[in-house]
């Protein structure tokens, strides 16, 4: 990934991660729990929910084995309503 500012050099992985965390934080997401890499599982899980084939997901995520995606990245997506309900009944 190249920077949008001169001299347009490649940016470091840590910079991209910081940018992602800033956007997550602006969206109201708890960045003490969710990190830049969290977007990998969130986006691929959502792709599966909306109908992308497993082969498409594996290809875009550059996974060679479905088991890797299923075990480590395919997570349940919680709706805003479910999050609210969980917080209301939580004892925390």
PDB file of N, CA and C in Angstrom:
ATOM      1  N   UNK A   1       0.853  -1.167   0.000  1.00  0.00           N
ATOM      2  CA  UNK A   1       0.000   0.000   0.000  1.00  0.00           C
ATOM      3  C   UNK A   1       0.897   1.228   0.000  1.00  0.00           C
ATOM      4  N   UNK A   2       0.549   2.178  -0.830  1.00  0.00           N
ATOM      5  CA  UNK A   2       1.316   3.407  -0.920  1.00  0.00           C
ATOM      6  C   UNK A   2       0.634   4.513  -0.147  1.00  0.00           C
ATOM      7  N   UNK A   3       1.441   5.411   0.368  1.00  0.00           N
ATOM      8  CA  UNK A   3       0.913   6.567   1.069  1.00  0.00           C
ATOM      9  C   UNK A   3       0.274   7.538   0.081  1.00  0.00           C
ATOM     10  N   UNK A   4      -0.715   8.283   0.539  1.00  0.00           N
ATOM     11  CA  UNK A   4      -1.347   9.285  -0.316  1.00  0.00           C
ATOM     12  C   UNK A   4      -0.623  10.632  -0.224  1.00  0.00           C
ATOM     13  N   UNK A   5       0.391  10.691   0.635  1.00  0.00           N
ATOM     14  CA  UNK A   5       1.176  11.914   0.780  1.00  0.00           C
ATOM     15  C   UNK A   5       2.553  11.721   0.169  1.00  0.00           C
ATOM     16  N   UNK A   6       3.091  12.797  -0.353  1.00  0.00           N
ATOM     17  CA  UNK A   6       4.441  12.737  -0.913  1.00  0.00           C
ATOM     18  C   UNK A   6       5.393  12.295   0.177  1.00  0.00           C
ATOM     19  N   UNK A   7       6.354  11.482  -0.109  1.00  0.00           N
ATOM     20  CA  UNK A   7       6.817  11.027  -1.419  1.00  0.00           C
ATOM     21  C   UNK A   7       6.149   9.734  -1.895  1.00  0.00           C
ATOM     22  N   UNK A   8       4.975   9.386  -1.381  1.00  0.00           N
ATOM     23  CA  UNK A   8       4.192   8.228  -1.831  1.00  0.00           C
ATOM     24  C   UNK A   8       4.937   6.905  -1.660  1.00  0.00           C
ATOM     25  N   UNK A   9       5.625   6.789  -0.567  1.00  0.00           N
ATOM     26  CA  UNK A   9       6.343   5.548  -0.258  1.00  0.00           C
ATOM     27  C   UNK A   9       5.384   4.514   0.323  1.00  0.00           C
ATOM     28  N   UNK A  10       5.794   3.257   0.300  1.00  0.00           N
ATOM     29  CA  UNK A  10       4.973   2.236   0.966  1.00  0.00           C
ATOM     30  C   UNK A  10       4.844   2.547   2.454  1.00  0.00           C
ATOM     31  N   UNK A  11       3.681   2.263   3.004  1.00  0.00           N
ATOM     32  CA  UNK A  11       3.481   2.476   4.437  1.00  0.00           C
ATOM     33  C   UNK A  11       3.718   1.173   5.177  1.00  0.00           C
ATOM     34  N   UNK A  12       4.080   1.299   6.430  1.00  0.00           N
ATOM     35  CA  UNK A  12       4.362   0.131   7.259  1.00  0.00           C
ATOM     36  C   UNK A  12       3.067  -0.556   7.678  1.00  0.00           C
ATOM     37  N   UNK A  13       3.164  -1.829   7.968  1.00  0.00           N
ATOM     38  CA  UNK A  13       2.014  -2.596   8.459  1.00  0.00           C
ATOM     39  C   UNK A  13       1.447  -1.933   9.714  1.00  0.00           C
ATOM     40  N   UNK A  14       2.316  -1.446  10.582  1.00  0.00           N
ATOM     41  CA  UNK A  14       1.852  -0.804  11.817  1.00  0.00           C
ATOM     42  C   UNK A  14       1.040   0.456  11.520  1.00  0.00           C
ATOM     43  N   UNK A  15       1.396   1.158  10.451  1.00  0.00           N
ATOM     44  CA  UNK A  15       0.645   2.362  10.062  1.00  0.00           C
ATOM     45  C   UNK A  15      -0.756   1.984   9.597  1.00  0.00           C
ATOM     46  N   UNK A  16      -0.861   0.976   8.761  1.00  0.00           N
ATOM     47  CA  UNK A  16      -2.174   0.524   8.284  1.00  0.00           C
ATOM     48  C   UNK A  16      -3.013   0.055   9.466  1.00  0.00           C
ATOM     49  N   UNK A  17      -2.405  -0.675  10.377  1.00  0.00           N
ATOM     50  CA  UNK A  17      -3.122  -1.149  11.561  1.00  0.00           C
ATOM     51  C   UNK A  17      -3.621   0.027  12.395  1.00  0.00           C
ATOM     52  N   UNK A  18      -2.797   1.051  12.553  1.00  0.00           N
ATOM     53  CA  UNK A  18      -3.193   2.241  13.309  1.00  0.00           C
ATOM     54  C   UNK A  18      -4.356   2.949  12.618  1.00  0.00           C
ATOM     55  N   UNK A  19      -4.303   3.060  11.291  1.00  0.00           N
ATOM     56  CA  UNK A  19      -5.398   3.683  10.544  1.00  0.00           C
ATOM     57  C   UNK A  19      -6.699   2.919  10.761  1.00  0.00           C
ATOM     58  N   UNK A  20      -6.617   1.592  10.679  1.00  0.00           N
ATOM     59  CA  UNK A  20      -7.828   0.766  10.861  1.00  0.00           C
ATOM     60  C   UNK A  20      -8.387   0.952  12.269  1.00  0.00           C
ATOM     61  N   UNK A  21      -7.518   0.945  13.269  1.00  0.00           N
ATOM     62  CA  UNK A  21      -7.979   1.137  14.652  1.00  0.00           C
ATOM     63  C   UNK A  21      -8.611   2.503  14.847  1.00  0.00           C
ATOM     64  N   UNK A  22      -8.078   3.525  14.186  1.00  0.00           N
ATOM     65  CA  UNK A  22      -8.662   4.862  14.288  1.00  0.00           C
ATOM     66  C   UNK A  22     -10.071   4.875  13.718  1.00  0.00           C
ATOM     67  N   UNK A  23     -10.262   4.223  12.581  1.00  0.00           N
ATOM     68  CA  UNK A  23     -11.592   4.164  11.965  1.00  0.00           C
ATOM     69  C   UNK A  23     -12.543   3.348  12.836  1.00  0.00           C
ATOM     70  N   UNK A  24     -12.072   2.230  13.372  1.00  0.00           N
ATOM     71  CA  UNK A  24     -12.906   1.423  14.267  1.00  0.00           C
ATOM     72  C   UNK A  24     -13.333   2.244  15.482  1.00  0.00           C
ATOM     73  N   UNK A  25     -12.397   2.988  16.044  1.00  0.00           N
ATOM     74  CA  UNK A  25     -12.698   3.819  17.204  1.00  0.00           C
ATOM     75  C   UNK A  25     -13.723   4.895  16.862  1.00  0.00           C
ATOM     76  N   UNK A  26     -13.559   5.537  15.710  1.00  0.00           N
ATOM     77  CA  UNK A  26     -14.523   6.554  15.276  1.00  0.00           C
ATOM     78  C   UNK A  26     -15.913   5.954  15.077  1.00  0.00           C
ATOM     79  N   UNK A  27     -15.964   4.657  14.746  1.00  0.00           N
ATOM     80  CA  UNK A  27     -17.237   3.974  14.552  1.00  0.00           C
ATOM     81  C   UNK A  27     -17.835   3.496  15.873  1.00  0.00           C
ATOM     82  N   UNK A  28     -17.145   3.778  16.981  1.00  0.00           N
ATOM     83  CA  UNK A  28     -17.658   3.397  18.291  1.00  0.00           C
ATOM     84  C   UNK A  28     -17.320   1.976  18.698  1.00  0.00           C
ATOM     85  N   UNK A  29     -16.359   1.373  18.042  1.00  0.00           N
ATOM     86  CA  UNK A  29     -15.961  -0.002  18.346  1.00  0.00           C
ATOM     87  C   UNK A  29     -14.849   0.020  19.389  1.00  0.00           C
ATOM     88  N   UNK A  30     -14.925  -0.872  20.343  1.00  0.00           N
ATOM     89  CA  UNK A  30     -13.945  -0.959  21.428  1.00  0.00           C
ATOM     90  C   UNK A  30     -12.610  -1.477  20.905  1.00  0.00           C
ATOM     91  N   UNK A  31     -11.659  -0.556  20.686  1.00  0.00           N
ATOM     92  CA  UNK A  31     -10.366  -0.953  20.125  1.00  0.00           C
ATOM     93  C   UNK A  31      -9.414  -1.528  21.172  1.00  0.00           C
ATOM     94  N   UNK A  32      -9.851  -1.582  22.420  1.00  0.00           N
ATOM     95  CA  UNK A  32      -9.040  -2.300  23.401  1.00  0.00           C
ATOM     96  C   UNK A  32      -9.250  -3.808  23.227  1.00  0.00           C
ATOM     97  N   UNK A  33     -10.375  -4.164  22.595  1.00  0.00           N
ATOM     98  CA  UNK A  33     -10.675  -5.572  22.334  1.00  0.00           C
ATOM     99  C   UNK A  33     -10.457  -5.926  20.864  1.00  0.00           C
ATOM    100  N   UNK A  34     -10.977  -5.090  19.955  1.00  0.00           N
ATOM    101  CA  UNK A  34     -10.863  -5.345  18.524  1.00  0.00           C
ATOM    102  C   UNK A  34      -9.666  -4.603  17.958  1.00  0.00           C
ATOM    103  N   UNK A  35      -8.864  -5.296  17.196  1.00  0.00           N
ATOM    104  CA  UNK A  35      -7.653  -4.732  16.598  1.00  0.00           C
ATOM    105  C   UNK A  35      -7.819  -4.645  15.087  1.00  0.00           C
ATOM    106  N   UNK A  36      -6.808  -4.140  14.428  1.00  0.00           N
ATOM    107  CA  UNK A  36      -6.833  -4.036  12.978  1.00  0.00           C
ATOM    108  C   UNK A  36      -7.086  -5.371  12.303  1.00  0.00           C
ATOM    109  N   UNK A  37      -6.489  -6.419  12.849  1.00  0.00           N
ATOM    110  CA  UNK A  37      -6.630  -7.747  12.249  1.00  0.00           C
ATOM    111  C   UNK A  37      -8.047  -8.304  12.420  1.00  0.00           C
ATOM    112  N   UNK A  38      -8.809  -7.731  13.346  1.00  0.00           N
ATOM    113  CA  UNK A  38     -10.192  -8.183  13.554  1.00  0.00           C
ATOM    114  C   UNK A  38     -11.038  -8.008  12.301  1.00  0.00           C
ATOM    115  N   UNK A  39     -10.664  -7.050  11.463  1.00  0.00           N
ATOM    116  CA  UNK A  39     -11.442  -6.815  10.252  1.00  0.00           C
ATOM    117  C   UNK A  39     -11.354  -7.999   9.293  1.00  0.00           C
ATOM    118  N   UNK A  40     -10.297  -8.785   9.399  1.00  0.00           N
ATOM    119  CA  UNK A  40     -10.132  -9.965   8.526  1.00  0.00           C
ATOM    120  C   UNK A  40     -11.233 -10.984   8.786  1.00  0.00           C
ATOM    121  N   UNK A  41     -11.480 -11.285  10.051  1.00  0.00           N
ATOM    122  CA  UNK A  41     -12.540 -12.250  10.352  1.00  0.00           C
ATOM    123  C   UNK A  41     -13.916 -11.623  10.174  1.00  0.00           C
ATOM    124  N   UNK A  42     -14.070 -10.359  10.540  1.00  0.00           N
ATOM    125  CA  UNK A  42     -15.378  -9.714  10.415  1.00  0.00           C
ATOM    126  C   UNK A  42     -15.820  -9.642   8.956  1.00  0.00           C
ATOM    127  N   UNK A  43     -14.927  -9.232   8.083  1.00  0.00           N
ATOM    128  CA  UNK A  43     -15.310  -9.080   6.675  1.00  0.00           C
ATOM    129  C   UNK A  43     -15.552 -10.425   6.006  1.00  0.00           C
ATOM    130  N   UNK A  44     -14.729 -11.415   6.318  1.00  0.00           N
ATOM    131  CA  UNK A  44     -14.927 -12.719   5.677  1.00  0.00           C
ATOM    132  C   UNK A  44     -16.158 -13.434   6.237  1.00  0.00           C
ATOM    133  N   UNK A  45     -16.431 -13.253   7.514  1.00  0.00           N
ATOM    134  CA  UNK A  45     -17.642 -13.836   8.101  1.00  0.00           C
ATOM    135  C   UNK A  45     -18.885 -13.217   7.485  1.00  0.00           C
ATOM    136  N   UNK A  46     -18.882 -11.894   7.344  1.00  0.00           N
ATOM    137  CA  UNK A  46     -20.026 -11.206   6.742  1.00  0.00           C
ATOM    138  C   UNK A  46     -20.195 -11.623   5.284  1.00  0.00           C
ATOM    139  N   UNK A  47     -19.084 -11.808   4.569  1.00  0.00           N
ATOM    140  CA  UNK A  47     -19.164 -12.257   3.175  1.00  0.00           C
ATOM    141  C   UNK A  47     -19.891 -13.597   3.090  1.00  0.00           C
ATOM    142  N   UNK A  48     -19.594 -14.495   4.018  1.00  0.00           N
ATOM    143  CA  UNK A  48     -20.270 -15.792   4.042  1.00  0.00           C
ATOM    144  C   UNK A  48     -21.750 -15.656   4.338  1.00  0.00           C
ATOM    145  N   UNK A  49     -22.103 -14.745   5.233  1.00  0.00           N
ATOM    146  CA  UNK A  49     -23.505 -14.536   5.596  1.00  0.00           C
ATOM    147  C   UNK A  49     -24.309 -14.001   4.420  1.00  0.00           C
ATOM    148  N   UNK A  50     -23.713 -13.104   3.640  1.00  0.00           N
ATOM    149  CA  UNK A  50     -24.458 -12.498   2.540  1.00  0.00           C
ATOM    150  C   UNK A  50     -24.397 -13.304   1.252  1.00  0.00           C
ATOM    151  N   UNK A  51     -23.761 -14.483   1.301  1.00  0.00           N
ATOM    152  CA  UNK A  51     -23.857 -15.388   0.169  1.00  0.00           C
ATOM    153  C   UNK A  51     -22.612 -15.645  -0.651  1.00  0.00           C
ATOM    154  N   UNK A  52     -21.476 -15.108  -0.248  1.00  0.00           N
ATOM    155  CA  UNK A  52     -20.246 -15.426  -0.981  1.00  0.00           C
ATOM    156  C   UNK A  52     -19.932 -16.907  -0.793  1.00  0.00           C
ATOM    157  N   UNK A  53     -19.430 -17.523  -1.829  1.00  0.00           N
ATOM    158  CA  UNK A  53     -19.085 -18.938  -1.722  1.00  0.00           C
ATOM    159  C   UNK A  53     -17.814 -19.094  -0.888  1.00  0.00           C
ATOM    160  N   UNK A  54     -17.644 -20.260  -0.322  1.00  0.00           N
ATOM    161  CA  UNK A  54     -16.443 -20.535   0.462  1.00  0.00           C
ATOM    162  C   UNK A  54     -15.204 -20.368  -0.407  1.00  0.00           C
ATOM    163  N   UNK A  55     -15.290 -20.791  -1.653  1.00  0.00           N
ATOM    164  CA  UNK A  55     -14.134 -20.661  -2.556  1.00  0.00           C
ATOM    165  C   UNK A  55     -13.778 -19.194  -2.790  1.00  0.00           C
ATOM    166  N   UNK A  56     -14.789 -18.334  -2.928  1.00  0.00           N
ATOM    167  CA  UNK A  56     -14.534 -16.898  -3.086  1.00  0.00           C
ATOM    168  C   UNK A  56     -13.859 -16.333  -1.844  1.00  0.00           C
ATOM    169  N   UNK A  57     -14.369 -16.707  -0.690  1.00  0.00           N
ATOM    170  CA  UNK A  57     -13.824 -16.214   0.576  1.00  0.00           C
ATOM    171  C   UNK A  57     -12.378 -16.677   0.745  1.00  0.00           C
ATOM    172  N   UNK A  58     -12.136 -17.947   0.487  1.00  0.00           N
ATOM    173  CA  UNK A  58     -10.768 -18.477   0.616  1.00  0.00           C
ATOM    174  C   UNK A  58      -9.823 -17.756  -0.333  1.00  0.00           C
ATOM    175  N   UNK A  59     -10.277 -17.512  -1.544  1.00  0.00           N
ATOM    176  CA  UNK A  59      -9.431 -16.835  -2.522  1.00  0.00           C
ATOM    177  C   UNK A  59      -9.109 -15.406  -2.130  1.00  0.00           C
ATOM    178  N   UNK A  60     -10.132 -14.663  -1.723  1.00  0.00           N
ATOM    179  CA  UNK A  60      -9.924 -13.258  -1.342  1.00  0.00           C
ATOM    180  C   UNK A  60      -9.086 -13.147  -0.071  1.00  0.00           C
ATOM    181  N   UNK A  61      -9.265 -14.103   0.843  1.00  0.00           N
ATOM    182  CA  UNK A  61      -8.500 -14.077   2.089  1.00  0.00           C
ATOM    183  C   UNK A  61      -7.143 -14.733   1.990  1.00  0.00           C
ATOM    184  N   UNK A  62      -6.891 -15.317   0.826  1.00  0.00           N
ATOM    185  CA  UNK A  62      -5.634 -16.033   0.562  1.00  0.00           C
ATOM    186  C   UNK A  62      -5.400 -17.176   1.553  1.00  0.00           C
ATOM    187  N   UNK A  63      -6.499 -17.875   1.876  1.00  0.00           N
ATOM    188  CA  UNK A  63      -6.399 -19.081   2.681  1.00  0.00           C
ATOM    189  C   UNK A  63      -6.353 -20.269   1.738  1.00  0.00           C
ATOM    190  N   UNK A  64      -5.499 -21.229   2.022  1.00  0.00           N
ATOM    191  CA  UNK A  64      -5.435 -22.411   1.168  1.00  0.00           C
ATOM    192  C   UNK A  64      -6.352 -23.519   1.675  1.00  0.00           C
ATOM    193  N   UNK A  65      -6.696 -23.471   2.962  1.00  0.00           N
ATOM    194  CA  UNK A  65      -7.536 -24.527   3.539  1.00  0.00           C
ATOM    195  C   UNK A  65      -8.784 -23.930   4.174  1.00  0.00           C
ATOM    196  N   UNK A  66      -9.923 -24.507   3.836  1.00  0.00           N
ATOM    197  CA  UNK A  66     -11.182 -24.047   4.414  1.00  0.00           C
ATOM    198  C   UNK A  66     -11.170 -24.180   5.929  1.00  0.00           C
ATOM    199  N   UNK A  67     -10.543 -25.224   6.430  1.00  0.00           N
ATOM    200  CA  UNK A  67     -10.491 -25.462   7.869  1.00  0.00           C
ATOM    201  C   UNK A  67      -9.875 -24.279   8.617  1.00  0.00           C
ATOM    202  N   UNK A  68      -8.851 -23.657   8.036  1.00  0.00           N
ATOM    203  CA  UNK A  68      -8.207 -22.503   8.678  1.00  0.00           C
ATOM    204  C   UNK A  68      -9.207 -21.367   8.827  1.00  0.00           C
ATOM    205  N   UNK A  69      -9.941 -21.071   7.745  1.00  0.00           N
ATOM    206  CA  UNK A  69     -10.934 -19.999   7.818  1.00  0.00           C
ATOM    207  C   UNK A  69     -12.039 -20.350   8.806  1.00  0.00           C
ATOM    208  N   UNK A  70     -12.554 -21.580   8.718  1.00  0.00           N
ATOM    209  CA  UNK A  70     -13.648 -21.992   9.602  1.00  0.00           C
ATOM    210  C   UNK A  70     -13.234 -21.928  11.077  1.00  0.00           C
ATOM    211  N   UNK A  71     -12.032 -22.371  11.373  1.00  0.00           N
ATOM    212  CA  UNK A  71     -11.584 -22.476  12.762  1.00  0.00           C
ATOM    213  C   UNK A  71     -11.209 -21.128  13.376  1.00  0.00           C
ATOM    214  N   UNK A  72     -10.524 -20.284  12.618  1.00  0.00           N
ATOM    215  CA  UNK A  72      -9.964 -19.068  13.198  1.00  0.00           C
ATOM    216  C   UNK A  72     -10.645 -17.765  12.778  1.00  0.00           C
ATOM    217  N   UNK A  73     -11.330 -17.746  11.643  1.00  0.00           N
ATOM    218  CA  UNK A  73     -11.836 -16.482  11.118  1.00  0.00           C
ATOM    219  C   UNK A  73     -13.344 -16.408  10.943  1.00  0.00           C
ATOM    220  N   UNK A  74     -14.021 -17.518  10.727  1.00  0.00           N
ATOM    221  CA  UNK A  74     -15.464 -17.489  10.523  1.00  0.00           C
ATOM    222  C   UNK A  74     -16.153 -17.374  11.876  1.00  0.00           C
ATOM    223  N   UNK A  75     -16.534 -16.162  12.221  1.00  0.00           N
ATOM    224  CA  UNK A  75     -17.113 -15.872  13.537  1.00  0.00           C
ATOM    225  C   UNK A  75     -18.574 -15.460  13.387  1.00  0.00           C
ATOM    226  N   UNK A  76     -19.374 -15.672  14.431  1.00  0.00           N
ATOM    227  CA  UNK A  76     -20.759 -15.201  14.365  1.00  0.00           C
ATOM    228  C   UNK A  76     -20.790 -13.667  14.366  1.00  0.00           C
ATOM    229  N   UNK A  77     -21.694 -13.103  13.588  1.00  0.00           N
ATOM    230  CA  UNK A  77     -21.869 -11.656  13.535  1.00  0.00           C
ATOM    231  C   UNK A  77     -23.047 -11.311  14.440  1.00  0.00           C
ATOM    232  N   UNK A  78     -22.834 -10.405  15.373  1.00  0.00           N
ATOM    233  CA  UNK A  78     -23.871 -10.015  16.324  1.00  0.00           C
ATOM    234  C   UNK A  78     -24.477  -8.700  15.851  1.00  0.00           C
ATOM    235  N   UNK A  79     -25.790  -8.683  15.719  1.00  0.00           N
ATOM    236  CA  UNK A  79     -26.483  -7.462  15.278  1.00  0.00           C
ATOM    237  C   UNK A  79     -26.489  -6.436  16.405  1.00  0.00           C
ATOM    238  N   UNK A  80     -26.788  -5.203  16.046  1.00  0.00           N
ATOM    239  CA  UNK A  80     -26.880  -4.136  17.056  1.00  0.00           C
ATOM    240  C   UNK A  80     -27.950  -4.466  18.086  1.00  0.00           C
ATOM    241  N   UNK A  81     -29.050  -5.052  17.627  1.00  0.00           N
ATOM    242  CA  UNK A  81     -30.127  -5.421  18.543  1.00  0.00           C
ATOM    243  C   UNK A  81     -29.658  -6.478  19.539  1.00  0.00           C
ATOM    244  N   UNK A  82     -28.926  -7.472  19.043  1.00  0.00           N
ATOM    245  CA  UNK A  82     -28.410  -8.513  19.928  1.00  0.00           C
ATOM    246  C   UNK A  82     -27.412  -7.943  20.916  1.00  0.00           C
ATOM    247  N   UNK A  83     -26.565  -7.007  20.452  1.00  0.00           N
ATOM    248  CA  UNK A  83     -25.591  -6.379  21.334  1.00  0.00           C
ATOM    249  C   UNK A  83     -26.294  -5.624  22.448  1.00  0.00           C
ATOM    250  N   UNK A  84     -27.331  -4.880  22.092  1.00  0.00           N
ATOM    251  CA  UNK A  84     -28.093  -4.118  23.079  1.00  0.00           C
ATOM    252  C   UNK A  84     -28.719  -5.060  24.101  1.00  0.00           C
ATOM    253  N   UNK A  85     -29.346  -6.138  23.608  1.00  0.00           N
ATOM    254  CA  UNK A  85     -29.981  -7.095  24.511  1.00  0.00           C
ATOM    255  C   UNK A  85     -28.960  -7.719  25.453  1.00  0.00           C
ATOM    256  N   UNK A  86     -27.797  -8.032  24.929  1.00  0.00           N
ATOM    257  CA  UNK A  86     -26.748  -8.632  25.758  1.00  0.00           C
ATOM    258  C   UNK A  86     -26.300  -7.670  26.838  1.00  0.00           C
ATOM    259  N   UNK A  87     -26.134  -6.398  26.490  1.00  0.00           N
ATOM    260  CA  UNK A  87     -25.706  -5.411  27.457  1.00  0.00           C
ATOM    261  C   UNK A  87     -26.769  -5.166  28.523  1.00  0.00           C
ATOM    262  N   UNK A  88     -28.042  -5.185  28.135  1.00  0.00           N
ATOM    263  CA  UNK A  88     -29.120  -4.934  29.072  1.00  0.00           C
ATOM    264  C   UNK A  88     -29.206  -6.048  30.114  1.00  0.00           C
ATOM    265  N   UNK A  89     -29.044  -7.288  29.690  1.00  0.00           N
ATOM    266  CA  UNK A  89     -29.177  -8.405  30.639  1.00  0.00           C
ATOM    267  C   UNK A  89     -27.856  -8.782  31.296  1.00  0.00           C
ATOM    268  N   UNK A  90     -26.766  -8.176  30.869  1.00  0.00           N
ATOM    269  CA  UNK A  90     -25.451  -8.477  31.445  1.00  0.00           C
ATOM    270  C   UNK A  90     -25.355  -7.908  32.843  1.00  0.00           C
ATOM    271  N   UNK A  91     -24.599  -8.574  33.693  1.00  0.00           N
ATOM    272  CA  UNK A  91     -24.415  -8.080  35.055  1.00  0.00           C
ATOM    273  C   UNK A  91     -23.176  -7.200  35.169  1.00  0.00           C
ATOM    274  N   UNK A  92     -22.544  -6.866  34.063  1.00  0.00           N
ATOM    275  CA  UNK A  92     -21.345  -6.026  34.086  1.00  0.00           C
ATOM    276  C   UNK A  92     -21.697  -4.568  33.992  1.00  0.00           C
TER     277      UNK A  92
END
